[in-house]
C-alpha atoms as a PDB file:
ATOM      1  CA  MET A   1      67.645  30.605 135.420  1.00  0.00           C
ATOM      2  CA  ALA A   2      64.532  32.596 134.472  1.00  0.00           C
ATOM      3  CA  GLN A   3      62.290  29.744 135.638  1.00  0.00           C
ATOM      4  CA  SER A   4      63.820  29.613 139.103  1.00  0.00           C
ATOM      5  CA  ARG A   5      64.134  33.395 139.490  1.00  0.00           C
ATOM      6  CA  TRP A   6      60.465  33.992 138.596  1.00  0.00           C
ATOM      7  CA  ASN A   7      59.188  30.668 139.978  1.00  0.00           C
ATOM      8  CA  MET A   8      57.557  29.808 136.640  1.00  0.00           C
ATOM      9  CA  SER A   9      57.021  26.565 134.799  1.00  0.00           C
ATOM     10  CA  ALA A  10      58.968  25.904 131.605  1.00  0.00           C
ATOM     11  CA  ALA A  11      55.791  26.402 129.555  1.00  0.00           C
ATOM     12  CA  ASP A  12      55.006  29.749 131.222  1.00  0.00           C
ATOM     13  CA  CYS A  13      58.584  30.907 130.790  1.00  0.00           C
ATOM     14  CA  SER A  14      58.522  29.893 127.134  1.00  0.00           C
ATOM     15  CA  GLU A  15      55.273  31.825 126.614  1.00  0.00           C
ATOM     16  CA  LEU A  16      56.805  34.902 128.239  1.00  0.00           C
ATOM     17  CA  PHE A  17      59.838  34.651 125.965  1.00  0.00           C
ATOM     18  CA  ARG A  18      57.513  34.379 122.963  1.00  0.00           C
ATOM     19  CA  LYS A  19      55.345  37.305 124.103  1.00  0.00           C
ATOM     20  CA  TYR A  20      58.289  39.693 124.436  1.00  0.00           C
ATOM     21  CA  ASP A  21      60.328  38.198 121.546  1.00  0.00           C
ATOM     22  CA  ILE A  22      63.227  37.553 123.904  1.00  0.00           C
ATOM     23  CA  LEU A  23      65.010  35.113 121.600  1.00  0.00           C
ATOM     24  CA  GLU A  24      65.235  37.836 118.927  1.00  0.00           C
ATOM     25  CA  PHE A  25      66.540  40.237 121.580  1.00  0.00           C
ATOM     26  CA  ILE A  26      69.209  37.731 122.587  1.00  0.00           C
ATOM     27  CA  SER A  27      70.114  37.161 118.941  1.00  0.00           C
ATOM     28  CA  GLU A  28      70.456  40.889 118.205  1.00  0.00           C
ATOM     29  CA  CYS A  29      72.443  41.625 121.354  1.00  0.00           C
ATOM     30  CA  TYR A  30      74.478  38.435 121.558  1.00  0.00           C
ATOM     31  CA  ASP A  31      77.880  40.113 121.277  1.00  0.00           C
ATOM     32  CA  SER A  32      77.333  42.230 124.373  1.00  0.00           C
ATOM     33  CA  LEU A  33      75.200  39.671 126.224  1.00  0.00           C
ATOM     34  CA  HIS A  34      77.725  36.832 126.037  1.00  0.00           C
ATOM     35  CA  LEU A  35      80.251  39.065 127.774  1.00  0.00           C
ATOM     36  CA  ASN A  36      77.840  39.546 130.677  1.00  0.00           C
ATOM     37  CA  SER A  37      76.151  36.954 132.805  1.00  0.00           C
ATOM     38  CA  TYR A  38      72.804  35.362 132.041  1.00  0.00           C
ATOM     39  CA  ALA A  39      71.466  37.339 135.005  1.00  0.00           C
ATOM     40  CA  CYS A  40      71.866  40.525 132.941  1.00  0.00           C
ATOM     41  CA  VAL A  41      69.528  39.098 130.301  1.00  0.00           C
ATOM     42  CA  VAL A  42      66.960  38.262 132.975  1.00  0.00           C
ATOM     43  CA  ASP A  43      67.306  41.804 134.385  1.00  0.00           C
ATOM     44  CA  ASP A  44      66.662  43.223 130.916  1.00  0.00           C
ATOM     45  CA  ILE A  45      63.558  41.046 130.548  1.00  0.00           C
ATOM     46  CA  GLU A  46      62.263  42.261 133.899  1.00  0.00           C
ATOM     47  CA  LEU A  47      62.816  45.869 132.833  1.00  0.00           C
ATOM     48  CA  LEU A  48      60.972  45.204 129.577  1.00  0.00           C
ATOM     49  CA  ARG A  49      58.048  43.656 131.472  1.00  0.00           C
ATOM     50  CA  PHE A  50      57.941  46.667 133.801  1.00  0.00           C
ATOM     51  CA  THR A  51      57.964  49.220 130.979  1.00  0.00           C
ATOM     52  CA  GLN A  52      54.975  47.482 129.399  1.00  0.00           C
ATOM     53  CA  SER A  53      52.953  47.388 132.624  1.00  0.00           C
ATOM     54  CA  ARG A  54      50.095  49.554 133.865  1.00  0.00           C
ATOM     55  CA  ILE A  55      52.274  50.652 136.787  1.00  0.00           C
ATOM     56  CA  TYR A  56      54.854  52.102 134.401  1.00  0.00           C
ATOM     57  CA  ASP A  57      52.092  54.087 132.670  1.00  0.00           C
ATOM     58  CA  ALA A  58      50.781  55.278 136.046  1.00  0.00           C
ATOM     59  CA  LEU A  59      54.268  56.390 137.027  1.00  0.00           C
ATOM     60  CA  PHE A  60      54.120  59.030 134.300  1.00  0.00           C
ATOM     61  CA  ASP A  61      50.554  60.081 135.126  1.00  0.00           C
ATOM     62  CA  PHE A  62      51.052  63.148 137.299  1.00  0.00           C
ATOM     63  CA  ASP A  63      47.500  62.910 138.647  1.00  0.00           C
ATOM     64  CA  THR A  64      48.273  59.671 140.502  1.00  0.00           C
ATOM     65  CA  GLU A  65      51.423  61.146 142.057  1.00  0.00           C
ATOM     66  CA  ILE A  66      53.015  57.700 142.139  1.00  0.00           C
ATOM     67  CA  TRP A  67      56.227  59.367 140.993  1.00  0.00           C
ATOM     68  CA  LYS A  68      56.430  60.959 144.475  1.00  0.00           C
ATOM     69  CA  GLU A  69      56.569  57.594 146.227  1.00  0.00           C
ATOM     70  CA  GLY A  70      59.701  55.608 146.921  1.00  0.00           C
ATOM     71  CA  PRO A  71      60.947  52.576 144.995  1.00  0.00           C
ATOM     72  CA  ASP A  72      59.608  50.086 147.551  1.00  0.00           C
ATOM     73  CA  TYR A  73      56.065  51.373 147.000  1.00  0.00           C
ATOM     74  CA  LEU A  74      56.496  51.142 143.229  1.00  0.00           C
ATOM     75  CA  VAL A  75      57.773  47.562 143.470  1.00  0.00           C
ATOM     76  CA  SER A  76      54.836  46.675 145.721  1.00  0.00           C
ATOM     77  CA  LEU A  77      52.352  48.088 143.198  1.00  0.00           C
ATOM     78  CA  TYR A  78      54.066  46.264 140.366  1.00  0.00           C
ATOM     79  CA  ASP A  79      54.000  42.964 142.270  1.00  0.00           C
ATOM     80  CA  GLN A  80      50.284  43.403 143.003  1.00  0.00           C
ATOM     81  CA  CYS A  81      49.573  44.171 139.369  1.00  0.00           C
ATOM     82  CA  ALA A  82      51.652  41.240 138.134  1.00  0.00           C
ATOM     83  CA  SER A  83      49.948  38.829 140.524  1.00  0.00           C
ATOM     84  CA  GLY A  84      46.499  39.987 139.411  1.00  0.00           C
ATOM     85  CA  LYS A  85      45.389  41.189 142.842  1.00  0.00           C
END
């Protein structure tokens, strides 16, 4: 599911899971995760990736005033950052 949602190869997806220690996260949270759908796990991974991004840091930098912008602008910045543009 993660591969198709993020349009990533199996190798890239595996590297991402290794980088953020997702398998340990799944192991620790299995009791609550198995009651929810796999999509919830993918949502949690996306939140983790966001909180470790430069855009998340900039959101709390009051000089940039990104916090004043709407969610669409924030998503756009995050997508640009994630794509390396």
